[in-house]
Amino acid sequence: MNAASATQPVRVVDIIRRKRDGGELARREIEHLVAAYTRGDVPDYQVAAWLMAVVLRGMTRVELAALTESMLRSGEVLDLSELPAVKVDKHSTGGVGDKTSLVLAPLVAAGGLIVPMISGRGLGHTGGTLDKLESIPGFNVNLETADFRRVLRACGCAMIGQTAAIAPADKKLYALRDVTGTVESPYLICASIMSKKLAEGIGALVLDVKTGSGAFMKNEDDAAFLAELMVATGERMGKKMVALLTDMDQPLGRHVGNALEVEECLEVLRGGGPDDLRELCLELAGWMFHLGGSDAGVEKGKQRAAALLASGAALDKFRAMVELQGGDAAALDDVARLPRARRTAVVPSPREGFVASIQCEQVGTASVVLGGGRERKEDAVDPAVGIVLHKKVRDRVTAGEPLCTLHYNSDEKLSAARSLIERSYRIDPQPPAATGPLVRRIVRGAGEGS
């Protein structure tokens, strides 16, 4: 028998066992588990066991639909119909140095669309949008629904975490997955992302699905499978969808760490910044404008985005959002007002040659070790610490030349982080083959052609 009878009481231990043994759960079992955990009636250790069973056994499409909808309906689904512009958002599956959301929300809002962005904390070795935003002194990511609407009406974009009213099941599960080794399941990732994104009241969603050594989905085919799951889930709920598979074999940009990444985003909003970060922001913005219907094609959308960066309109929109959400807008002009680590340490190259590869996940883990992420659910994040990369793949380097600089506040944490960074760089006598494209593949929705 694959699922519990509708007449039998639902027991969590039976749900765990059935999934552990590869069985298919009934919708009512999944609904019971999600609702009971959200209420606090099921302990973390039981849900952690179920999560691990899902990681090991997977889910059917029917189970995934039930999980996503149960998480979505655990809270409020926003109705933003009083805002006349098209509502569109972007979500990334997470990577090292992946900070595009801080650029995209104000950039696309400056182009006339509404961007109601509900984001998450750092997960595993990857950084979190909310942690980055909170490194801006005073920035409040914990807005209630009424204030979220107020900010959206005033400037067209707002960036918050899940409130008690929005996808509360995902908020609890997200934090538990982070510390129980259950992050990587494509089914759990899909349900987490789509439950909170579908609660935003959006009409279109652009997904940035990372693949490579610093991504949760290191194999490109696995990343494509996740992308297809999410696109299909969104379309089933009536949303315009597209997913871009993007490279995460090395950190995006050169700054890793919360305040450091805010600083780099400000460079992009001023029309500069690292080439790879700027290129990806323009690509994603082009798709957001396209799905939002404001431009005829992705290339026109990219051109519009570039013009909004060059004119300063995107930076002005970011400044307005920061002020409306209680942040210190003066820090956008004087980055010395952002949190600063007390000490820095250079990691030199051991030999002359070329950077052949960077073990990207280890760089992200090094940032977590310094205090820039969480190793336990209750850990606080140090917004000041992180890593600045001076050399990336294919760059020439001499012996003793800095590969990167560690920004740290704890001597005890420095040693472990330095060791991770030293092991992550491979220096070869000859340059490696040309790196692949930043956007590896596009998974379109049914309405976007093949």
Protein backbone atom coordinates (compact mmCIF):
# COMPACT_ATOMS: atom_id res chain seq x y z
CA MET A 1 0.00 0.00 0.00
CA ASN A 2 1.63 3.27 -1.18
CA ALA A 3 -0.15 5.74 1.04
CA ALA A 4 -2.17 5.86 4.20
CA SER A 5 -5.89 5.22 3.95
CA ALA A 6 -8.04 8.33 4.21
CA THR A 7 -9.76 6.77 7.22
CA GLN A 8 -6.58 6.15 9.21
CA PRO A 9 -5.08 8.72 11.58
CA VAL A 10 -1.90 10.36 10.26
CA ARG A 11 1.22 9.63 12.31
CA VAL A 12 4.44 11.48 11.56
CA VAL A 13 6.60 8.42 12.23
CA ASP A 14 4.64 6.54 9.55
CA ILE A 15 5.23 9.40 7.10
CA ILE A 16 8.96 9.23 7.80
CA ARG A 17 9.07 5.45 7.38
CA ARG A 18 7.09 5.44 4.14
CA LYS A 19 9.32 8.02 2.52
CA ARG A 20 12.45 6.32 3.92
CA ASP A 21 11.33 3.11 2.20
CA GLY A 22 10.67 4.84 -1.13
CA GLY A 23 6.88 5.00 -0.93
CA GLU A 24 4.65 7.78 -2.23
CA LEU A 25 2.96 9.96 0.38
CA ALA A 26 -0.68 10.93 0.08
CA ARG A 27 -1.57 14.61 -0.22
CA ARG A 28 -3.25 14.54 3.20
CA GLU A 29 -0.07 13.17 4.80
CA ILE A 30 2.03 15.97 3.34
CA GLU A 31 -0.58 18.56 4.28
CA HIS A 32 -0.67 17.18 7.83
CA LEU A 33 3.11 17.22 8.22
CA VAL A 34 3.50 20.77 6.88
CA ALA A 35 0.61 22.16 8.94
CA ALA A 36 1.65 20.41 12.15
CA TYR A 37 5.29 21.50 11.85
CA THR A 38 4.24 25.07 11.14
CA ARG A 39 2.09 25.07 14.30
CA GLY A 40 4.98 23.65 16.34
CA ASP A 41 3.30 20.29 16.96
CA VAL A 42 6.10 18.27 15.36
CA PRO A 43 9.69 18.54 16.64
CA ASP A 44 12.68 19.47 14.48
CA TYR A 45 14.23 16.03 14.79
CA GLN A 46 11.27 14.28 13.15
CA VAL A 47 11.06 16.75 10.29
CA ALA A 48 14.84 16.54 9.85
CA ALA A 49 14.48 12.76 9.47
CA TRP A 50 11.75 13.24 6.85
CA LEU A 51 13.84 15.83 4.99
CA MET A 52 16.77 13.42 4.82
CA ALA A 53 14.45 10.70 3.53
CA VAL A 54 13.35 13.08 0.75
CA VAL A 55 16.99 13.85 -0.10
CA LEU A 56 17.72 10.13 -0.41
CA ARG A 57 14.48 8.92 -2.01
CA GLY A 58 13.19 11.92 -3.97
CA MET A 59 9.54 12.82 -4.59
CA THR A 60 6.97 12.20 -7.28
CA ARG A 61 5.51 15.17 -9.18
CA VAL A 62 2.24 14.62 -7.30
CA GLU A 63 4.06 14.79 -3.94
CA LEU A 64 5.97 17.90 -5.06
CA ALA A 65 2.75 19.67 -6.06
CA ALA A 66 1.20 18.79 -2.70
CA LEU A 67 4.28 20.00 -0.79
CA THR A 68 4.53 23.29 -2.70
CA GLU A 69 0.83 24.04 -2.32
CA SER A 70 0.82 23.10 1.38
CA MET A 71 3.73 25.44 2.03
CA LEU A 72 2.14 28.20 -0.05
CA ARG A 73 -1.18 27.88 1.78
CA SER A 74 0.46 27.80 5.20
CA GLY A 75 0.17 31.59 5.10
CA GLU A 76 -1.16 34.56 3.16
CA VAL A 77 -1.04 34.82 -0.64
CA LEU A 78 -0.66 38.50 -1.48
CA ASP A 79 -3.06 40.27 -3.80
CA LEU A 80 -1.23 43.25 -5.32
CA SER A 81 -3.85 44.03 -7.93
CA GLU A 82 -4.17 47.58 -6.59
CA LEU A 83 -0.70 48.26 -8.02
CA PRO A 84 -1.26 48.83 -11.75
CA ALA A 85 2.14 47.79 -13.13
CA VAL A 86 3.14 44.20 -13.94
CA LYS A 87 4.60 42.32 -10.96
CA VAL A 88 7.77 40.34 -11.72
CA ASP A 89 10.52 38.80 -9.61
CA LYS A 90 13.80 36.90 -9.90
CA HIS A 91 15.15 34.13 -7.72
CA SER A 92 18.54 32.43 -7.57
CA THR A 93 19.16 28.92 -6.26
CA GLY A 94 22.24 30.28 -4.50
CA GLY A 95 25.91 30.62 -5.17
CA VAL A 96 29.11 32.17 -3.88
CA GLY A 97 29.24 35.93 -4.37
CA ASP A 98 25.78 35.82 -5.93
CA LYS A 99 24.44 39.28 -5.18
CA THR A 100 22.37 40.08 -8.27
CA SER A 101 19.08 40.57 -6.39
CA LEU A 102 20.36 43.79 -4.81
CA VAL A 103 20.94 45.20 -8.28
CA LEU A 104 17.92 43.72 -10.06
CA ALA A 105 15.11 44.81 -7.75
CA PRO A 106 15.83 48.56 -8.07
CA LEU A 107 16.98 48.25 -11.69
CA VAL A 108 13.76 46.65 -12.92
CA ALA A 109 11.62 48.91 -10.73
CA ALA A 110 13.36 51.89 -12.32
CA GLY A 111 12.06 50.53 -15.64
CA GLY A 112 8.44 50.75 -14.47
CA LEU A 113 7.72 47.23 -13.21
CA ILE A 114 6.84 46.21 -9.64
CA VAL A 115 9.34 43.89 -7.91
CA PRO A 116 7.94 42.41 -4.67
CA MET A 117 10.96 40.34 -3.61
CA ILE A 118 10.68 37.89 -0.72
CA SER A 119 14.14 36.49 -0.07
CA GLY A 120 15.99 34.14 2.24
CA ARG A 121 18.95 33.86 4.56
CA GLY A 122 22.28 32.25 3.78
CA LEU A 123 21.93 28.53 3.11
CA GLY A 124 24.87 26.15 3.49
CA HIS A 125 27.97 27.67 1.87
CA THR A 126 25.98 30.31 -0.03
CA GLY A 127 25.14 33.83 1.04
CA GLY A 128 21.62 35.13 1.65
CA THR A 129 20.02 38.28 0.27
CA LEU A 130 18.54 39.21 3.65
CA ASP A 131 21.92 38.92 5.38
CA LYS A 132 23.46 41.21 2.77
CA LEU A 133 20.70 43.80 3.12
CA GLU A 134 20.97 43.78 6.92
CA SER A 135 24.61 44.80 6.63
CA ILE A 136 23.26 48.23 5.62
CA PRO A 137 22.78 49.87 9.04
CA GLY A 138 19.11 50.07 9.99
CA PHE A 139 17.75 48.20 6.95
CA ASN A 140 14.59 46.36 8.01
CA VAL A 141 13.82 43.15 6.13
CA ASN A 142 11.06 42.21 8.58
CA LEU A 143 8.24 44.33 7.21
CA GLU A 144 4.65 43.34 7.82
CA THR A 145 2.40 43.03 4.79
CA ALA A 146 0.99 46.55 5.08
CA ASP A 147 4.48 48.09 5.14
CA PHE A 148 5.59 45.86 2.27
CA ARG A 149 2.71 47.29 0.20
CA ARG A 150 3.60 50.83 1.31
CA VAL A 151 7.18 50.50 0.07
CA LEU A 152 6.05 48.92 -3.21
CA ARG A 153 3.60 51.77 -3.82
CA ALA A 154 6.25 54.37 -3.06
CA CYS A 155 9.19 53.08 -5.11
CA GLY A 156 8.17 49.96 -7.02
CA CYS A 157 10.40 47.49 -5.20
CA ALA A 158 10.76 46.06 -1.72
CA MET A 159 12.99 43.29 -0.37
CA ILE A 160 11.88 41.39 2.71
CA GLY A 161 11.99 38.00 4.38
CA GLN A 162 9.02 35.77 4.96
CA THR A 163 6.74 37.41 7.47
CA ALA A 164 4.68 35.39 9.89
CA ALA A 165 1.91 35.68 7.30
CA ILE A 166 3.86 34.66 4.16
CA ALA A 167 4.86 31.01 3.67
CA PRO A 168 5.64 30.38 7.36
CA ALA A 169 6.15 26.68 6.65
CA ASP A 170 8.99 27.49 4.28
CA LYS A 171 10.60 29.83 6.79
CA LYS A 172 10.86 27.03 9.36
CA LEU A 173 11.90 24.36 6.89
CA TYR A 174 14.50 26.63 5.24
CA ALA A 175 16.30 27.23 8.54
CA LEU A 176 16.20 23.52 9.43
CA ARG A 177 17.54 22.39 6.04
CA ASP A 178 20.48 24.76 6.38
CA VAL A 179 21.86 22.90 9.40
CA THR A 180 20.84 19.28 8.71
CA GLY A 181 22.58 18.56 5.41
CA THR A 182 19.30 18.56 3.49
CA VAL A 183 19.77 21.57 1.23
CA GLU A 184 20.57 19.90 -2.09
CA SER A 185 17.34 18.03 -2.92
CA PRO A 186 15.82 19.51 -6.13
CA TYR A 187 12.34 18.77 -4.80
CA LEU A 188 12.91 20.64 -1.53
CA ILE A 189 14.59 23.51 -3.36
CA CYS A 190 11.68 23.75 -5.80
CA ALA A 191 9.01 23.70 -3.09
CA SER A 192 10.89 26.26 -1.00
CA ILE A 193 11.43 28.72 -3.81
CA MET A 194 8.06 28.39 -5.47
CA SER A 195 5.97 28.50 -2.28
CA LYS A 196 7.29 31.89 -1.26
CA LYS A 197 7.51 33.26 -4.79
CA LEU A 198 3.93 32.28 -5.62
CA ALA A 199 2.85 34.02 -2.40
CA GLU A 200 4.16 37.35 -3.70
CA GLY A 201 1.30 38.08 -6.07
CA ILE A 202 3.59 38.15 -9.12
CA GLY A 203 2.68 37.42 -12.73
CA ALA A 204 6.14 36.42 -13.95
CA LEU A 205 9.31 34.90 -12.47
CA VAL A 206 12.87 34.63 -13.78
CA LEU A 207 14.93 31.85 -12.18
CA ASP A 208 18.72 31.85 -11.96
CA VAL A 209 19.68 28.20 -11.47
CA LYS A 210 23.35 27.92 -10.57
CA THR A 211 25.51 25.00 -11.69
CA GLY A 212 29.17 24.23 -11.05
CA SER A 213 31.49 23.66 -8.10
CA GLY A 214 29.97 26.44 -5.99
CA ALA A 215 26.33 25.54 -6.64
CA PHE A 216 24.06 23.10 -4.87
CA MET A 217 23.50 21.50 -8.29
CA LYS A 218 27.07 20.86 -9.42
CA ASN A 219 26.08 18.79 -12.46
CA GLU A 220 24.48 20.74 -15.30
CA ASP A 221 21.91 18.04 -16.03
CA ASP A 222 20.83 18.08 -12.37
CA ALA A 223 20.50 21.86 -12.55
CA ALA A 224 18.41 21.54 -15.73
CA PHE A 225 16.14 19.04 -13.97
CA LEU A 226 15.61 21.50 -11.11
CA ALA A 227 14.95 24.31 -13.58
CA GLU A 228 12.36 22.24 -15.40
CA LEU A 229 10.66 21.35 -12.09
CA MET A 230 10.35 25.00 -11.11
CA VAL A 231 9.26 26.26 -14.52
CA ALA A 232 6.57 23.56 -14.70
CA THR A 233 5.42 24.29 -11.13
CA GLY A 234 5.10 28.01 -11.84
CA GLU A 235 3.30 27.52 -15.12
CA ARG A 236 0.87 25.15 -13.44
CA MET A 237 -0.01 28.10 -11.18
CA GLY A 238 -0.51 30.44 -14.16
CA LYS A 239 2.79 32.34 -14.06
CA LYS A 240 5.11 33.34 -16.92
CA MET A 241 8.37 31.48 -16.31
CA VAL A 242 11.92 31.15 -17.56
CA ALA A 243 15.04 29.66 -15.97
CA LEU A 244 18.64 30.48 -16.83
CA LEU A 245 21.33 27.93 -15.95
CA THR A 246 24.33 30.04 -15.01
CA ASP A 247 27.95 29.29 -14.17
CA MET A 248 29.10 28.88 -10.58
CA ASP A 249 32.51 27.27 -11.09
CA GLN A 250 34.02 30.37 -9.51
CA PRO A 251 32.55 33.14 -7.35
CA LEU A 252 30.40 35.76 -9.09
CA GLY A 253 32.18 39.09 -8.95
CA ARG A 254 35.14 39.53 -6.61
CA HIS A 255 33.55 40.13 -3.19
CA VAL A 256 32.22 37.34 -0.95
CA GLY A 257 30.66 38.39 2.37
CA ASN A 258 27.66 40.50 3.26
CA ALA A 259 28.86 44.11 3.55
CA LEU A 260 31.57 43.49 0.96
CA GLU A 261 28.94 42.31 -1.52
CA VAL A 262 26.77 45.37 -0.88
CA GLU A 263 29.79 47.51 -1.74
CA GLU A 264 30.24 45.63 -5.02
CA CYS A 265 26.55 46.00 -5.90
CA LEU A 266 26.87 49.74 -5.48
CA GLU A 267 29.68 49.68 -8.05
CA VAL A 268 27.33 47.99 -10.54
CA LEU A 269 24.51 50.42 -9.77
CA ARG A 270 26.93 53.22 -10.61
CA GLY A 271 27.58 51.68 -14.02
CA GLY A 272 30.78 49.80 -13.15
CA GLY A 273 31.59 46.66 -11.20
CA PRO A 274 33.10 43.34 -12.32
CA ASP A 275 32.29 42.28 -15.86
CA ASP A 276 30.71 38.94 -14.95
CA LEU A 277 28.42 40.41 -12.29
CA ARG A 278 27.31 43.27 -14.51
CA GLU A 279 26.75 40.93 -17.49
CA LEU A 280 24.56 38.57 -15.48
CA CYS A 281 22.53 41.43 -14.00
CA LEU A 282 21.82 42.77 -17.49
CA GLU A 283 20.86 39.31 -18.79
CA LEU A 284 18.46 38.64 -15.92
CA ALA A 285 17.00 42.14 -16.12
CA GLY A 286 16.46 41.68 -19.86
CA TRP A 287 14.36 38.58 -19.19
CA MET A 288 12.44 40.32 -16.38
CA PHE A 289 11.54 43.18 -18.71
CA HIS A 290 10.62 40.71 -21.46
CA LEU A 291 8.32 38.56 -19.29
CA GLY A 292 6.89 41.74 -17.78
CA GLY A 293 5.86 42.82 -21.26
CA SER A 294 7.63 46.18 -21.18
CA ASP A 295 10.09 45.45 -24.02
CA ALA A 296 9.91 43.58 -27.29
CA GLY A 297 12.48 40.87 -26.66
CA VAL A 298 15.26 40.12 -24.24
CA GLU A 299 17.92 42.14 -26.08
CA LYS A 300 15.79 45.27 -25.94
CA GLY A 301 15.31 44.60 -22.24
CA LYS A 302 19.07 44.36 -21.72
CA GLN A 303 19.60 47.64 -23.53
CA ARG A 304 16.96 49.29 -21.35
CA ALA A 305 18.66 47.92 -18.22
CA ALA A 306 22.07 49.21 -19.30
CA ALA A 307 20.62 52.66 -19.88
CA LEU A 308 19.00 52.69 -16.43
CA LEU A 309 22.35 51.84 -14.81
CA ALA A 310 24.19 54.48 -16.83
CA SER A 311 21.66 57.20 -16.00
CA GLY A 312 21.77 56.57 -12.24
CA ALA A 313 18.03 55.78 -12.16
CA ALA A 314 18.62 52.29 -10.72
CA LEU A 315 20.84 53.67 -7.94
CA ASP A 316 18.23 56.32 -7.14
CA LYS A 317 15.60 53.60 -6.84
CA PHE A 318 17.86 51.56 -4.54
CA ARG A 319 18.43 54.62 -2.38
CA ALA A 320 14.68 55.20 -2.12
CA MET A 321 14.06 51.58 -1.11
CA VAL A 322 16.82 51.70 1.53
CA GLU A 323 15.36 54.86 3.05
CA LEU A 324 11.79 53.49 3.01
CA GLN A 325 12.95 50.31 4.77
CA GLY A 326 14.79 52.23 7.50
CA GLY A 327 18.32 51.90 6.18
CA ASP A 328 21.16 54.41 6.35
CA ALA A 329 21.14 55.81 2.81
CA ALA A 330 24.35 57.76 3.58
CA ALA A 331 26.16 54.39 3.58
CA LEU A 332 25.46 54.11 -0.14
CA ASP A 333 27.70 57.12 -0.76
CA ASP A 334 30.20 56.46 2.05
CA VAL A 335 30.83 52.72 2.23
CA ALA A 336 32.97 53.29 5.32
CA ARG A 337 29.62 53.43 7.15
CA LEU A 338 29.05 49.77 6.30
CA PRO A 339 30.38 47.17 8.78
CA ARG A 340 34.16 46.75 8.52
CA ALA A 341 36.28 43.86 9.75
CA ARG A 342 38.99 44.81 12.22
CA ARG A 343 41.74 42.88 10.42
CA THR A 344 42.74 41.67 6.98
CA ALA A 345 45.11 38.92 5.86
CA VAL A 346 46.48 38.28 2.37
CA VAL A 347 46.64 34.79 0.87
CA PRO A 348 49.63 34.81 -1.54
CA SER A 349 50.16 32.62 -4.57
CA PRO A 350 52.57 29.73 -3.82
CA ARG A 351 54.05 29.85 -7.32
CA GLU A 352 54.08 31.67 -10.65
CA GLY A 353 51.58 30.65 -13.29
CA PHE A 354 47.89 30.97 -14.07
CA VAL A 355 44.79 30.38 -11.99
CA ALA A 356 43.57 27.10 -13.48
CA SER A 357 40.52 26.66 -11.22
CA ILE A 358 38.94 27.80 -7.98
CA GLN A 359 37.07 25.32 -5.79
CA CYS A 360 34.14 27.65 -5.42
CA GLU A 361 32.30 25.85 -2.62
CA GLN A 362 35.41 26.02 -0.43
CA VAL A 363 35.51 29.81 -0.90
CA GLY A 364 31.91 30.02 0.27
CA THR A 365 32.67 27.73 3.21
CA ALA A 366 35.66 29.90 4.14
CA SER A 367 33.36 32.92 4.34
CA VAL A 368 30.99 30.96 6.61
CA VAL A 369 33.92 29.88 8.79
CA LEU A 370 34.96 33.53 9.20
CA GLY A 371 31.45 34.23 10.52
CA GLY A 372 29.73 35.35 7.34
CA GLY A 373 27.20 32.50 7.46
CA ARG A 374 25.62 29.99 9.82
CA GLU A 375 26.98 26.61 10.87
CA ARG A 376 24.13 26.15 13.37
CA LYS A 377 20.52 27.30 13.16
CA GLU A 378 20.94 29.77 16.03
CA ASP A 379 24.24 31.31 14.85
CA ALA A 380 24.48 35.07 14.32
CA VAL A 381 26.08 36.38 11.13
CA ASP A 382 29.03 38.79 11.19
CA PRO A 383 28.22 41.24 8.35
CA ALA A 384 31.77 42.61 8.15
CA VAL A 385 33.78 39.50 7.33
CA GLY A 386 34.46 37.95 3.96
CA ILE A 387 36.85 37.55 1.08
CA VAL A 388 37.99 39.82 -1.74
CA LEU A 389 39.37 37.89 -4.71
CA HIS A 390 42.20 39.57 -6.59
CA LYS A 391 42.73 36.69 -9.02
CA LYS A 392 40.15 34.58 -10.85
CA VAL A 393 40.32 31.77 -13.39
CA ARG A 394 42.79 32.40 -16.26
CA ASP A 395 44.44 35.33 -14.47
CA ARG A 396 48.25 35.36 -14.50
CA VAL A 397 49.93 35.42 -11.08
CA THR A 398 53.49 35.68 -9.79
CA ALA A 399 54.86 33.88 -6.73
CA GLY A 400 53.84 35.77 -3.59
CA GLU A 401 51.27 37.92 -5.38
CA PRO A 402 47.93 38.16 -3.51
CA LEU A 403 45.26 35.72 -4.61
CA CYS A 404 42.73 37.19 -2.21
CA THR A 405 42.36 39.12 1.03
CA LEU A 406 40.49 37.74 4.02
CA HIS A 407 38.53 40.25 6.13
CA TYR A 408 38.19 38.80 9.63
CA ASN A 409 37.43 39.59 13.27
CA SER A 410 38.60 36.36 14.94
CA ASP A 411 42.16 35.03 14.89
CA GLU A 412 40.80 31.62 15.80
CA LYS A 413 38.60 31.51 12.68
CA LEU A 414 41.28 32.89 10.37
CA SER A 415 43.45 29.78 10.28
CA ALA A 416 40.71 27.43 9.10
CA ALA A 417 39.44 29.91 6.52
CA ARG A 418 42.93 30.54 5.16
CA SER A 419 43.53 26.81 4.79
CA LEU A 420 40.31 26.43 2.79
CA ILE A 421 41.27 29.28 0.46
CA GLU A 422 44.80 27.95 -0.07
CA ARG A 423 43.38 24.57 -1.08
CA SER A 424 40.74 26.08 -3.33
CA TYR A 425 43.16 27.72 -5.80
CA ARG A 426 44.99 25.63 -8.39
CA ILE A 427 47.93 27.35 -10.08
CA ASP A 428 49.27 25.79 -13.30
CA PRO A 429 52.19 26.78 -15.53
CA GLN A 430 49.91 27.29 -18.54
CA PRO A 431 46.56 29.05 -18.77
CA PRO A 432 43.51 26.77 -18.79
CA ALA A 433 41.16 26.43 -21.71
CA ALA A 434 38.75 29.30 -22.17
CA THR A 435 36.00 29.37 -19.56
CA GLY A 436 32.49 28.49 -20.66
CA PRO A 437 29.65 30.95 -21.08
CA LEU A 438 28.16 32.65 -18.04
CA VAL A 439 24.68 31.53 -19.17
CA ARG A 440 24.95 27.83 -20.02
CA ARG A 441 21.36 27.01 -20.93
CA ILE A 442 17.87 28.53 -20.95
CA VAL A 443 14.79 26.57 -19.90
CA ARG A 444 11.78 28.37 -21.28
CA GLY A 445 8.17 28.09 -20.30
CA ALA A 446 5.63 26.89 -22.83
CA GLY A 447 4.83 30.46 -23.81
CA GLU A 448 8.47 31.31 -24.52
CA GLY A 449 9.15 28.91 -27.36
CA SER A 450 11.90 26.30 -27.54
